[in-house]
Amino acid sequence: MPGFQFSALQDEVLPQGPRVLVTGATGLLGRAVCKEFQNHDWTVSGTGLRRARPRFLRCDLTDEDAVRRLLQETKPDVLVHCAAERRPDVMERNADAAVSLNVHASSTVSRETAACGALLIYISTDYVFDGRNPPYGEDDCPNPLNLYGRSKLEGEREALRHCPGAVILRVPVLFGEVESVTESAVTSLWQQVQEATEERRALDHCLQRFPTDARDVAAVCRKLAERARQDPSIRGIFHFSGKEQMTKYEMAVAMAQAFNLPSNHLVPLTEQPAGSAPRPINSQLNCSRLEQLSLSVEPRAFSVAISECLWPFTADKRWRQTVFH
């Protein structure tokens, strides 16, 4: 079975809670989703591909037969579809492969989820909007500016076509407990923050972002799953986002302040760089639907959450050891 390999997980005696399958479980959000469901007594299976490890299932989601076998083996009650190519510039350079994952694989996952009678939670993005008239509600008309946004919007449509009862959760740029600071567009700023030299580091001060902790998104996914299994009216599109509006420059300055580091080498850049994929100026999400249904969570404050995520990557080993012990 070249596309799907079942791991040693099948030999374990699994608890008898509801079953959730998480695609992209080796990624930033997928890891957080797995941890959140595990902490609330769900039986969790997760998939990966190149980064699949023991306890995760290796599955090529672009292989339809492999996806079918995956769901037949795991028999999930809920599937959280986190797997995606999420880097806009990478998508522009590798369009075919990225669309294959974001659109065609999403269609396959949705179809097979419907076939096994499970609830589908599809993770989407604020980049389905053009950023010209925020904040955006769930019923506002999408108008993506780049291939990433278009591919995720097509993925949404495929999810709802195959699974009319699916939940679509749109979220903005994420950060969290990263394995490498380069894993998130937010934590990757840490590299420039630490380079406190005479050489100036120009950072975007044009695009308005709402950095959101993956742990909070995971909690919303779990709450949606639990409610939707009991209430079929919980379906369609939802928005969740952090509340703090920040440019990349402001995020970097906040990181420096959190760790008492200098920030005078960071310079605000007020024009979008040439050659990169176009991005919305401000795609703020209106999250009132989740809030009205008591399905939201209070987002972690950025300064606190980013400190928790970045302290393992600080240069001061003595401080790291103090935190560990």
C-alpha atoms as a PDB file:
ATOM      1  CA  MET A   1       0.000   0.000   0.000  1.00  0.00           C
ATOM      2  CA  PRO A   2       2.240   2.817  -1.197  1.00  0.00           C
ATOM      3  CA  GLY A   3      -0.097   5.663  -0.282  1.00  0.00           C
ATOM      4  CA  PHE A   4      -1.145   4.632   3.212  1.00  0.00           C
ATOM      5  CA  GLN A   5       0.799   2.907   5.955  1.00  0.00           C
ATOM      6  CA  PHE A   6      -0.756   2.019   9.284  1.00  0.00           C
ATOM      7  CA  SER A   7       1.635   2.538  12.182  1.00  0.00           C
ATOM      8  CA  ALA A   8       2.194   0.712  15.444  1.00  0.00           C
ATOM      9  CA  LEU A   9      -0.715   2.692  16.811  1.00  0.00           C
ATOM     10  CA  GLN A  10      -3.061  -0.090  15.706  1.00  0.00           C
ATOM     11  CA  ASP A  11      -1.409  -2.513  18.120  1.00  0.00           C
ATOM     12  CA  GLU A  12      -2.229  -0.386  21.139  1.00  0.00           C
ATOM     13  CA  VAL A  13      -5.320  -0.771  23.286  1.00  0.00           C
ATOM     14  CA  LEU A  14      -7.144   2.447  22.468  1.00  0.00           C
ATOM     15  CA  PRO A  15      -9.562   4.210  24.812  1.00  0.00           C
ATOM     16  CA  GLN A  16     -13.225   4.064  23.871  1.00  0.00           C
ATOM     17  CA  GLY A  17     -13.923   7.778  23.470  1.00  0.00           C
ATOM     18  CA  PRO A  18     -15.255   9.315  20.260  1.00  0.00           C
ATOM     19  CA  ARG A  19     -12.799   8.973  17.378  1.00  0.00           C
ATOM     20  CA  VAL A  20     -11.196  11.904  15.582  1.00  0.00           C
ATOM     21  CA  LEU A  21      -8.867  11.757  12.589  1.00  0.00           C
ATOM     22  CA  VAL A  22      -6.604  14.774  12.035  1.00  0.00           C
ATOM     23  CA  THR A  23      -4.950  15.306   8.657  1.00  0.00           C
ATOM     24  CA  GLY A  24      -1.734  17.299   8.671  1.00  0.00           C
ATOM     25  CA  ALA A  25      -1.159  16.133  12.250  1.00  0.00           C
ATOM     26  CA  THR A  26       2.585  16.731  12.004  1.00  0.00           C
ATOM     27  CA  GLY A  27       2.074  20.446  11.291  1.00  0.00           C
ATOM     28  CA  LEU A  28       1.703  23.365  13.657  1.00  0.00           C
ATOM     29  CA  LEU A  29      -2.094  23.347  13.856  1.00  0.00           C
ATOM     30  CA  GLY A  30      -2.455  19.594  13.472  1.00  0.00           C
ATOM     31  CA  ARG A  31      -0.254  18.914  16.508  1.00  0.00           C
ATOM     32  CA  ALA A  32      -2.277  21.364  18.587  1.00  0.00           C
ATOM     33  CA  VAL A  33      -5.558  19.793  17.445  1.00  0.00           C
ATOM     34  CA  CYS A  34      -4.352  16.284  18.329  1.00  0.00           C
ATOM     35  CA  LYS A  35      -3.242  17.429  21.771  1.00  0.00           C
ATOM     36  CA  GLU A  36      -6.508  19.268  22.456  1.00  0.00           C
ATOM     37  CA  PHE A  37      -8.695  16.273  21.570  1.00  0.00           C
ATOM     38  CA  GLN A  38      -6.453  13.852  23.468  1.00  0.00           C
ATOM     39  CA  ASN A  39      -6.719  16.038  26.565  1.00  0.00           C
ATOM     40  CA  HIS A  40     -10.511  15.749  26.378  1.00  0.00           C
ATOM     41  CA  ASP A  41     -10.704  11.956  26.156  1.00  0.00           C
ATOM     42  CA  TRP A  42     -11.063  11.527  22.405  1.00  0.00           C
ATOM     43  CA  THR A  43      -9.411   8.642  20.567  1.00  0.00           C
ATOM     44  CA  VAL A  44      -7.060  10.456  18.198  1.00  0.00           C
ATOM     45  CA  SER A  45      -5.472   9.322  14.930  1.00  0.00           C
ATOM     46  CA  GLY A  46      -3.312  11.672  12.905  1.00  0.00           C
ATOM     47  CA  THR A  47      -1.811  11.612   9.438  1.00  0.00           C
ATOM     48  CA  GLY A  48       1.393  12.988   7.994  1.00  0.00           C
ATOM     49  CA  LEU A  49       3.556  12.402   4.963  1.00  0.00           C
ATOM     50  CA  ARG A  50       7.217  13.410   4.957  1.00  0.00           C
ATOM     51  CA  ARG A  51       7.189  14.179   8.680  1.00  0.00           C
ATOM     52  CA  ALA A  52       5.097  11.184   9.706  1.00  0.00           C
ATOM     53  CA  ARG A  53       6.528   9.556  12.791  1.00  0.00           C
ATOM     54  CA  PRO A  54       5.679   6.603  15.066  1.00  0.00           C
ATOM     55  CA  ARG A  55       2.115   7.242  16.455  1.00  0.00           C
ATOM     56  CA  PHE A  56       1.091   8.973  13.223  1.00  0.00           C
ATOM     57  CA  LEU A  57      -0.248   7.373  10.060  1.00  0.00           C
ATOM     58  CA  ARG A  58       1.626   7.988   6.829  1.00  0.00           C
ATOM     59  CA  CYS A  59      -0.863   8.846   4.094  1.00  0.00           C
ATOM     60  CA  ASP A  60      -0.546  10.585   0.754  1.00  0.00           C
ATOM     61  CA  LEU A  61      -3.793  12.546   0.657  1.00  0.00           C
ATOM     62  CA  THR A  62      -3.506  12.972  -3.114  1.00  0.00           C
ATOM     63  CA  ASP A  63      -3.895   9.182  -3.458  1.00  0.00           C
ATOM     64  CA  GLU A  64      -7.637   8.496  -3.495  1.00  0.00           C
ATOM     65  CA  ASP A  65      -7.301   4.792  -2.695  1.00  0.00           C
ATOM     66  CA  ALA A  66      -5.002   5.562   0.225  1.00  0.00           C
ATOM     67  CA  VAL A  67      -7.493   8.065   1.668  1.00  0.00           C
ATOM     68  CA  ARG A  68     -10.310   5.539   1.324  1.00  0.00           C
ATOM     69  CA  ARG A  69      -8.295   2.857   3.152  1.00  0.00           C
ATOM     70  CA  LEU A  70      -7.330   5.386   5.816  1.00  0.00           C
ATOM     71  CA  LEU A  71     -10.919   6.160   6.716  1.00  0.00           C
ATOM     72  CA  GLN A  72     -11.984   2.528   6.500  1.00  0.00           C
ATOM     73  CA  GLU A  73      -9.265   1.629   9.003  1.00  0.00           C
ATOM     74  CA  THR A  74      -9.702   4.526  11.445  1.00  0.00           C
ATOM     75  CA  LYS A  75     -13.519   4.834  11.264  1.00  0.00           C
ATOM     76  CA  PRO A  76     -13.587   8.397  12.629  1.00  0.00           C
ATOM     77  CA  ASP A  77     -16.599  10.124  14.086  1.00  0.00           C
ATOM     78  CA  VAL A  78     -14.972  13.475  13.215  1.00  0.00           C
ATOM     79  CA  LEU A  79     -12.282  14.395  10.692  1.00  0.00           C
ATOM     80  CA  VAL A  80     -10.383  17.682  11.119  1.00  0.00           C
ATOM     81  CA  HIS A  81      -8.746  18.539   7.797  1.00  0.00           C
ATOM     82  CA  CYS A  82      -5.670  20.624   8.648  1.00  0.00           C
ATOM     83  CA  ALA A  83      -3.386  19.447   5.833  1.00  0.00           C
ATOM     84  CA  ALA A  84      -2.691  22.187   3.284  1.00  0.00           C
ATOM     85  CA  GLU A  85      -0.029  24.154   1.473  1.00  0.00           C
ATOM     86  CA  ARG A  86      -0.372  27.429   3.380  1.00  0.00           C
ATOM     87  CA  ARG A  87       2.545  29.507   2.024  1.00  0.00           C
ATOM     88  CA  PRO A  88       1.272  31.936  -0.632  1.00  0.00           C
ATOM     89  CA  ASP A  89       4.642  32.516  -2.313  1.00  0.00           C
ATOM     90  CA  VAL A  90       5.408  28.778  -2.457  1.00  0.00           C
ATOM     91  CA  MET A  91       2.010  28.194  -4.033  1.00  0.00           C
ATOM     92  CA  GLU A  92       2.701  30.674  -6.818  1.00  0.00           C
ATOM     93  CA  ARG A  93       5.939  28.832  -7.672  1.00  0.00           C
ATOM     94  CA  ASN A  94       4.517  25.308  -7.384  1.00  0.00           C
ATOM     95  CA  ALA A  95       0.909  25.797  -8.398  1.00  0.00           C
ATOM     96  CA  ASP A  96       0.080  22.296  -9.610  1.00  0.00           C
ATOM     97  CA  ALA A  97       1.313  20.464  -6.520  1.00  0.00           C
ATOM     98  CA  ALA A  98      -0.247  22.986  -4.160  1.00  0.00           C
ATOM     99  CA  VAL A  99      -3.635  22.906  -5.876  1.00  0.00           C
ATOM    100  CA  SER A 100      -3.485  19.114  -5.858  1.00  0.00           C
ATOM    101  CA  LEU A 101      -3.263  19.200  -2.055  1.00  0.00           C
ATOM    102  CA  ASN A 102      -5.492  22.178  -1.274  1.00  0.00           C
ATOM    103  CA  VAL A 103      -8.289  21.405  -3.744  1.00  0.00           C
ATOM    104  CA  HIS A 104      -8.178  17.869  -5.156  1.00  0.00           C
ATOM    105  CA  ALA A 105      -7.074  16.155  -1.939  1.00  0.00           C
ATOM    106  CA  SER A 106      -9.648  18.172   0.016  1.00  0.00           C
ATOM    107  CA  SER A 107     -12.307  16.944  -2.392  1.00  0.00           C
ATOM    108  CA  THR A 108     -11.219  13.338  -1.863  1.00  0.00           C
ATOM    109  CA  VAL A 109     -11.070  13.702   1.921  1.00  0.00           C
ATOM    110  CA  SER A 110     -14.534  15.296   1.935  1.00  0.00           C
ATOM    111  CA  ARG A 111     -16.051  12.600  -0.258  1.00  0.00           C
ATOM    112  CA  GLU A 112     -14.640   9.761   1.842  1.00  0.00           C
ATOM    113  CA  THR A 113     -15.630  11.501   5.086  1.00  0.00           C
ATOM    114  CA  ALA A 114     -19.199  11.674   3.816  1.00  0.00           C
ATOM    115  CA  ALA A 115     -19.050   8.000   2.792  1.00  0.00           C
ATOM    116  CA  CYS A 116     -18.162   6.913   6.322  1.00  0.00           C
ATOM    117  CA  GLY A 117     -20.754   9.207   7.935  1.00  0.00           C
ATOM    118  CA  ALA A 118     -18.287  11.340   9.870  1.00  0.00           C
ATOM    119  CA  LEU A 119     -18.402  15.070  10.619  1.00  0.00           C
ATOM    120  CA  LEU A 120     -15.918  17.100   8.568  1.00  0.00           C
ATOM    121  CA  ILE A 121     -14.197  20.191   9.975  1.00  0.00           C
ATOM    122  CA  TYR A 122     -12.320  21.931   7.166  1.00  0.00           C
ATOM    123  CA  ILE A 123      -9.707  24.521   8.143  1.00  0.00           C
ATOM    124  CA  SER A 124      -9.716  27.540   5.844  1.00  0.00           C
ATOM    125  CA  THR A 125      -8.247  31.039   5.844  1.00  0.00           C
ATOM    126  CA  ASP A 126      -8.979  34.758   6.010  1.00  0.00           C
ATOM    127  CA  TYR A 127      -7.182  35.011   2.656  1.00  0.00           C
ATOM    128  CA  VAL A 128     -10.445  34.135   0.897  1.00  0.00           C
ATOM    129  CA  PHE A 129     -11.158  37.888   1.264  1.00  0.00           C
ATOM    130  CA  ASP A 130      -9.500  40.782  -0.541  1.00  0.00           C
ATOM    131  CA  GLY A 131      -8.998  42.925   2.571  1.00  0.00           C
ATOM    132  CA  ARG A 132     -10.677  46.052   1.194  1.00  0.00           C
ATOM    133  CA  ASN A 133     -13.726  46.177   3.482  1.00  0.00           C
ATOM    134  CA  PRO A 134     -13.129  44.508   6.848  1.00  0.00           C
ATOM    135  CA  PRO A 135     -14.301  43.074   9.116  1.00  0.00           C
ATOM    136  CA  TYR A 136     -15.683  40.117   7.179  1.00  0.00           C
ATOM    137  CA  GLY A 137     -18.641  38.029   8.274  1.00  0.00           C
ATOM    138  CA  GLU A 138     -19.307  34.446   7.281  1.00  0.00           C
ATOM    139  CA  ASP A 139     -21.825  35.512   4.628  1.00  0.00           C
ATOM    140  CA  ASP A 140     -19.645  38.177   2.998  1.00  0.00           C
ATOM    141  CA  CYS A 141     -18.605  37.502  -0.582  1.00  0.00           C
ATOM    142  CA  PRO A 142     -15.076  36.050  -0.902  1.00  0.00           C
ATOM    143  CA  ASN A 143     -12.659  37.601  -3.372  1.00  0.00           C
ATOM    144  CA  PRO A 144      -9.206  36.046  -2.912  1.00  0.00           C
ATOM    145  CA  LEU A 145      -6.209  37.934  -4.264  1.00  0.00           C
ATOM    146  CA  ASN A 146      -3.760  35.043  -4.636  1.00  0.00           C
ATOM    147  CA  LEU A 147      -3.646  31.371  -5.549  1.00  0.00           C
ATOM    148  CA  TYR A 148      -3.509  30.298  -1.909  1.00  0.00           C
ATOM    149  CA  GLY A 149      -6.787  32.075  -1.134  1.00  0.00           C
ATOM    150  CA  ARG A 150      -8.412  30.768  -4.313  1.00  0.00           C
ATOM    151  CA  SER A 151      -7.338  27.204  -3.584  1.00  0.00           C
ATOM    152  CA  LYS A 152      -8.688  27.300  -0.041  1.00  0.00           C
ATOM    153  CA  LEU A 153     -11.972  28.767  -1.261  1.00  0.00           C
ATOM    154  CA  GLU A 154     -12.255  25.948  -3.799  1.00  0.00           C
ATOM    155  CA  GLY A 155     -11.476  23.512  -0.989  1.00  0.00           C
ATOM    156  CA  GLU A 156     -14.336  24.997   1.042  1.00  0.00           C
ATOM    157  CA  ARG A 157     -16.702  24.509  -1.871  1.00  0.00           C
ATOM    158  CA  GLU A 158     -15.592  20.905  -2.364  1.00  0.00           C
ATOM    159  CA  ALA A 159     -16.072  20.218   1.341  1.00  0.00           C
ATOM    160  CA  LEU A 160     -19.620  21.568   1.314  1.00  0.00           C
ATOM    161  CA  ARG A 161     -20.425  19.855  -2.003  1.00  0.00           C
ATOM    162  CA  HIS A 162     -19.564  16.416  -0.654  1.00  0.00           C
ATOM    163  CA  CYS A 163     -20.478  17.092   3.002  1.00  0.00           C
ATOM    164  CA  PRO A 164     -23.407  19.535   3.256  1.00  0.00           C
ATOM    165  CA  GLY A 165     -23.202  19.216   7.037  1.00  0.00           C
ATOM    166  CA  ALA A 166     -19.510  20.120   7.151  1.00  0.00           C
ATOM    167  CA  VAL A 167     -18.055  22.846   9.357  1.00  0.00           C
ATOM    168  CA  ILE A 168     -15.739  25.363   7.667  1.00  0.00           C
ATOM    169  CA  LEU A 169     -13.483  27.215  10.107  1.00  0.00           C
ATOM    170  CA  ARG A 170     -11.652  30.240   8.693  1.00  0.00           C
ATOM    171  CA  VAL A 171      -8.661  31.461  10.672  1.00  0.00           C
ATOM    172  CA  PRO A 172      -5.894  34.053  10.125  1.00  0.00           C
ATOM    173  CA  VAL A 173      -2.119  33.688  10.413  1.00  0.00           C
ATOM    174  CA  LEU A 174      -1.195  31.156  13.112  1.00  0.00           C
ATOM    175  CA  PHE A 175       1.641  30.687  15.566  1.00  0.00           C
ATOM    176  CA  GLY A 176       2.111  28.301  18.450  1.00  0.00           C
ATOM    177  CA  GLU A 177       4.358  25.578  19.844  1.00  0.00           C
ATOM    178  CA  VAL A 178       6.671  25.323  16.845  1.00  0.00           C
ATOM    179  CA  GLU A 179       9.353  22.709  16.216  1.00  0.00           C
ATOM    180  CA  SER A 180      11.374  25.369  14.379  1.00  0.00           C
ATOM    181  CA  VAL A 181      10.869  29.128  14.376  1.00  0.00           C
ATOM    182  CA  THR A 182      10.543  28.975  10.588  1.00  0.00           C
ATOM    183  CA  GLU A 183       7.387  26.865  10.916  1.00  0.00           C
ATOM    184  CA  SER A 184       5.183  29.948  11.258  1.00  0.00           C
ATOM    185  CA  ALA A 185       5.244  33.320   9.504  1.00  0.00           C
ATOM    186  CA  VAL A 186       4.904  34.839  12.979  1.00  0.00           C
ATOM    187  CA  THR A 187       7.644  32.993  14.862  1.00  0.00           C
ATOM    188  CA  SER A 188      10.016  33.302  11.881  1.00  0.00           C
ATOM    189  CA  LEU A 189      10.292  36.987  12.829  1.00  0.00           C
ATOM    190  CA  TRP A 190      12.292  35.856  15.863  1.00  0.00           C
ATOM    191  CA  GLN A 191      15.357  35.482  13.664  1.00  0.00           C
ATOM    192  CA  GLN A 192      15.335  39.190  12.804  1.00  0.00           C
ATOM    193  CA  VAL A 193      14.568  40.167  16.391  1.00  0.00           C
ATOM    194  CA  GLN A 194      17.631  38.348  17.706  1.00  0.00           C
ATOM    195  CA  GLU A 195      19.948  39.883  15.093  1.00  0.00           C
ATOM    196  CA  ALA A 196      20.455  43.086  17.047  1.00  0.00           C
ATOM    197  CA  THR A 197      23.294  44.450  14.916  1.00  0.00           C
ATOM    198  CA  GLU A 198      24.012  47.752  13.230  1.00  0.00           C
ATOM    199  CA  GLU A 199      22.436  46.373  10.061  1.00  0.00           C
ATOM    200  CA  ARG A 200      18.786  47.417   9.856  1.00  0.00           C
ATOM    201  CA  ARG A 201      16.055  44.824   9.345  1.00  0.00           C
ATOM    202  CA  ALA A 202      13.063  46.090   7.352  1.00  0.00           C
ATOM    203  CA  LEU A 203       9.758  44.441   8.269  1.00  0.00           C
ATOM    204  CA  ASP A 204       6.328  44.869   6.768  1.00  0.00           C
ATOM    205  CA  HIS A 205       4.318  47.634   8.416  1.00  0.00           C
ATOM    206  CA  CYS A 206       1.556  47.677   5.808  1.00  0.00           C
ATOM    207  CA  LEU A 207      -0.473  44.469   6.024  1.00  0.00           C
ATOM    208  CA  GLN A 208      -2.700  44.286   9.091  1.00  0.00           C
ATOM    209  CA  ARG A 209      -2.663  40.810  10.615  1.00  0.00           C
ATOM    210  CA  PHE A 210      -4.393  39.130  13.550  1.00  0.00           C
ATOM    211  CA  PRO A 211      -1.906  36.538  14.873  1.00  0.00           C
ATOM    212  CA  THR A 212      -3.752  33.638  16.451  1.00  0.00           C
ATOM    213  CA  ASP A 213      -2.461  30.876  18.719  1.00  0.00           C
ATOM    214  CA  ALA A 214      -2.977  27.402  17.232  1.00  0.00           C
ATOM    215  CA  ARG A 215      -3.926  26.140  20.696  1.00  0.00           C
ATOM    216  CA  ASP A 216      -6.964  28.446  20.685  1.00  0.00           C
ATOM    217  CA  VAL A 217      -7.969  27.268  17.206  1.00  0.00           C
ATOM    218  CA  ALA A 218      -7.655  23.673  18.397  1.00  0.00           C
ATOM    219  CA  ALA A 219      -9.963  24.377  21.336  1.00  0.00           C
ATOM    220  CA  VAL A 220     -12.556  25.858  18.966  1.00  0.00           C
ATOM    221  CA  CYS A 221     -12.300  22.774  16.732  1.00  0.00           C
ATOM    222  CA  ARG A 222     -12.950  20.514  19.690  1.00  0.00           C
ATOM    223  CA  LYS A 223     -15.921  22.584  20.879  1.00  0.00           C
ATOM    224  CA  LEU A 224     -17.380  22.602  17.366  1.00  0.00           C
ATOM    225  CA  ALA A 225     -16.946  18.840  17.080  1.00  0.00           C
ATOM    226  CA  GLU A 226     -18.621  18.155  20.389  1.00  0.00           C
ATOM    227  CA  ARG A 227     -21.566  20.457  19.700  1.00  0.00           C
ATOM    228  CA  ALA A 228     -22.051  19.444  16.059  1.00  0.00           C
ATOM    229  CA  ARG A 229     -22.277  15.767  16.987  1.00  0.00           C
ATOM    230  CA  GLN A 230     -25.291  16.634  19.132  1.00  0.00           C
ATOM    231  CA  ASP A 231     -26.789  19.484  17.097  1.00  0.00           C
ATOM    232  CA  PRO A 232     -27.013  19.178  13.288  1.00  0.00           C
ATOM    233  CA  SER A 233     -27.661  22.924  12.971  1.00  0.00           C
ATOM    234  CA  ILE A 234     -23.949  23.463  13.732  1.00  0.00           C
ATOM    235  CA  ARG A 235     -22.783  23.471  10.120  1.00  0.00           C
ATOM    236  CA  GLY A 236     -21.478  25.821   7.473  1.00  0.00           C
ATOM    237  CA  ILE A 237     -18.933  28.620   7.853  1.00  0.00           C
ATOM    238  CA  PHE A 238     -17.469  29.965  11.103  1.00  0.00           C
ATOM    239  CA  HIS A 239     -14.734  32.509  11.796  1.00  0.00           C
ATOM    240  CA  PHE A 240     -12.198  32.539  14.618  1.00  0.00           C
ATOM    241  CA  SER A 241      -9.355  34.991  15.140  1.00  0.00           C
ATOM    242  CA  GLY A 242      -7.092  36.622  17.644  1.00  0.00           C
ATOM    243  CA  LYS A 243      -8.206  40.135  18.573  1.00  0.00           C
ATOM    244  CA  GLU A 244      -4.940  42.067  18.382  1.00  0.00           C
ATOM    245  CA  GLN A 245      -4.319  43.868  15.072  1.00  0.00           C
ATOM    246  CA  MET A 246      -0.603  43.939  14.274  1.00  0.00           C
ATOM    247  CA  THR A 247       1.778  44.278  11.344  1.00  0.00           C
ATOM    248  CA  LYS A 248       4.829  42.047  11.158  1.00  0.00           C
ATOM    249  CA  TYR A 249       6.899  44.999  12.370  1.00  0.00           C
ATOM    250  CA  GLU A 250       4.650  45.390  15.423  1.00  0.00           C
ATOM    251  CA  MET A 251       4.807  41.650  16.128  1.00  0.00           C
ATOM    252  CA  ALA A 252       8.599  41.741  16.042  1.00  0.00           C
ATOM    253  CA  VAL A 253       8.732  44.743  18.384  1.00  0.00           C
ATOM    254  CA  ALA A 254       6.350  42.950  20.763  1.00  0.00           C
ATOM    255  CA  MET A 255       8.662  39.915  20.732  1.00  0.00           C
ATOM    256  CA  ALA A 256      11.658  42.084  21.545  1.00  0.00           C
ATOM    257  CA  GLN A 257       9.786  43.710  24.419  1.00  0.00           C
ATOM    258  CA  ALA A 258       8.659  40.323  25.759  1.00  0.00           C
ATOM    259  CA  PHE A 259      12.275  39.195  26.058  1.00  0.00           C
ATOM    260  CA  ASN A 260      13.785  42.585  26.981  1.00  0.00           C
ATOM    261  CA  LEU A 261      15.716  42.741  23.719  1.00  0.00           C
ATOM    262  CA  PRO A 262      16.554  45.861  21.684  1.00  0.00           C
ATOM    263  CA  SER A 263      14.348  46.640  18.709  1.00  0.00           C
ATOM    264  CA  ASN A 264      15.983  49.768  17.278  1.00  0.00           C
ATOM    265  CA  HIS A 265      17.454  47.690  14.422  1.00  0.00           C
ATOM    266  CA  LEU A 266      13.926  46.866  13.225  1.00  0.00           C
ATOM    267  CA  VAL A 267      12.612  49.266  10.614  1.00  0.00           C
ATOM    268  CA  PRO A 268       8.956  49.582   9.483  1.00  0.00           C
ATOM    269  CA  LEU A 269       8.444  49.021   5.761  1.00  0.00           C
ATOM    270  CA  THR A 270       5.262  50.733   4.548  1.00  0.00           C
ATOM    271  CA  GLU A 271       5.200  49.369   0.996  1.00  0.00           C
ATOM    272  CA  GLN A 272       4.479  45.778   0.001  1.00  0.00           C
ATOM    273  CA  PRO A 273       7.607  44.085  -1.387  1.00  0.00           C
ATOM    274  CA  ALA A 274       7.691  43.532  -5.130  1.00  0.00           C
ATOM    275  CA  GLY A 275       7.673  39.996  -6.469  1.00  0.00           C
ATOM    276  CA  SER A 276       5.642  38.368  -3.696  1.00  0.00           C
ATOM    277  CA  ALA A 277       2.108  37.047  -3.998  1.00  0.00           C
ATOM    278  CA  PRO A 278      -0.479  39.791  -3.409  1.00  0.00           C
ATOM    279  CA  ARG A 279      -2.017  39.740   0.044  1.00  0.00           C
ATOM    280  CA  PRO A 280      -5.059  41.445   1.566  1.00  0.00           C
ATOM    281  CA  ILE A 281      -4.328  44.684   3.431  1.00  0.00           C
ATOM    282  CA  ASN A 282      -6.727  43.838   6.249  1.00  0.00           C
ATOM    283  CA  SER A 283      -8.788  40.637   6.222  1.00  0.00           C
ATOM    284  CA  GLN A 284     -10.090  40.930   9.778  1.00  0.00           C
ATOM    285  CA  LEU A 285     -12.718  38.299  10.556  1.00  0.00           C
ATOM    286  CA  ASN A 286     -15.981  38.946  12.345  1.00  0.00           C
ATOM    287  CA  CYS A 287     -16.274  36.031  14.788  1.00  0.00           C
ATOM    288  CA  SER A 288     -19.723  36.788  16.189  1.00  0.00           C
ATOM    289  CA  ARG A 289     -21.354  33.550  15.034  1.00  0.00           C
ATOM    290  CA  LEU A 290     -19.078  31.421  17.209  1.00  0.00           C
ATOM    291  CA  GLU A 291     -19.489  33.833  20.100  1.00  0.00           C
ATOM    292  CA  GLN A 292     -23.298  33.849  19.897  1.00  0.00           C
ATOM    293  CA  LEU A 293     -23.309  30.043  20.039  1.00  0.00           C
ATOM    294  CA  SER A 294     -20.848  29.984  22.974  1.00  0.00           C
ATOM    295  CA  LEU A 295     -18.404  28.038  20.820  1.00  0.00           C
ATOM    296  CA  SER A 296     -15.549  30.524  20.901  1.00  0.00           C
ATOM    297  CA  VAL A 297     -12.665  30.862  23.340  1.00  0.00           C
ATOM    298  CA  GLU A 298     -10.966  34.004  24.608  1.00  0.00           C
ATOM    299  CA  PRO A 299      -7.795  34.326  22.522  1.00  0.00           C
ATOM    300  CA  ARG A 300      -4.517  34.323  24.408  1.00  0.00           C
ATOM    301  CA  ALA A 301      -2.800  37.704  24.639  1.00  0.00           C
ATOM    302  CA  PHE A 302      -0.083  37.887  21.993  1.00  0.00           C
ATOM    303  CA  SER A 303       2.720  38.981  24.338  1.00  0.00           C
ATOM    304  CA  VAL A 304       2.066  36.083  26.714  1.00  0.00           C
ATOM    305  CA  ALA A 305       1.489  33.437  24.051  1.00  0.00           C
ATOM    306  CA  ILE A 306       4.500  34.379  21.929  1.00  0.00           C
ATOM    307  CA  SER A 307       6.733  34.254  25.009  1.00  0.00           C
ATOM    308  CA  GLU A 308       5.546  30.723  25.742  1.00  0.00           C
ATOM    309  CA  CYS A 309       6.228  29.667  22.166  1.00  0.00           C
ATOM    310  CA  LEU A 310       9.644  31.271  21.730  1.00  0.00           C
ATOM    311  CA  TRP A 311      11.407  30.746  25.031  1.00  0.00           C
ATOM    312  CA  PRO A 312      12.858  27.356  23.963  1.00  0.00           C
ATOM    313  CA  PHE A 313      14.660  29.230  21.174  1.00  0.00           C
ATOM    314  CA  THR A 314      16.275  31.917  23.308  1.00  0.00           C
ATOM    315  CA  ALA A 315      20.065  32.165  23.425  1.00  0.00           C
ATOM    316  CA  ASP A 316      20.237  32.332  27.231  1.00  0.00           C
ATOM    317  CA  LYS A 317      20.543  28.649  28.125  1.00  0.00           C
ATOM    318  CA  ARG A 318      20.581  29.390  31.851  1.00  0.00           C
ATOM    319  CA  TRP A 319      17.175  31.064  31.609  1.00  0.00           C
ATOM    320  CA  ARG A 320      15.887  28.125  29.580  1.00  0.00           C
ATOM    321  CA  GLN A 321      17.032  25.690  32.258  1.00  0.00           C
ATOM    322  CA  THR A 322      15.359  27.783  34.961  1.00  0.00           C
ATOM    323  CA  VAL A 323      12.062  27.634  33.093  1.00  0.00           C
ATOM    324  CA  PHE A 324      12.391  23.912  32.481  1.00  0.00           C
ATOM    325  CA  HIS A 325      13.069  23.101  36.124  1.00  0.00           C
END
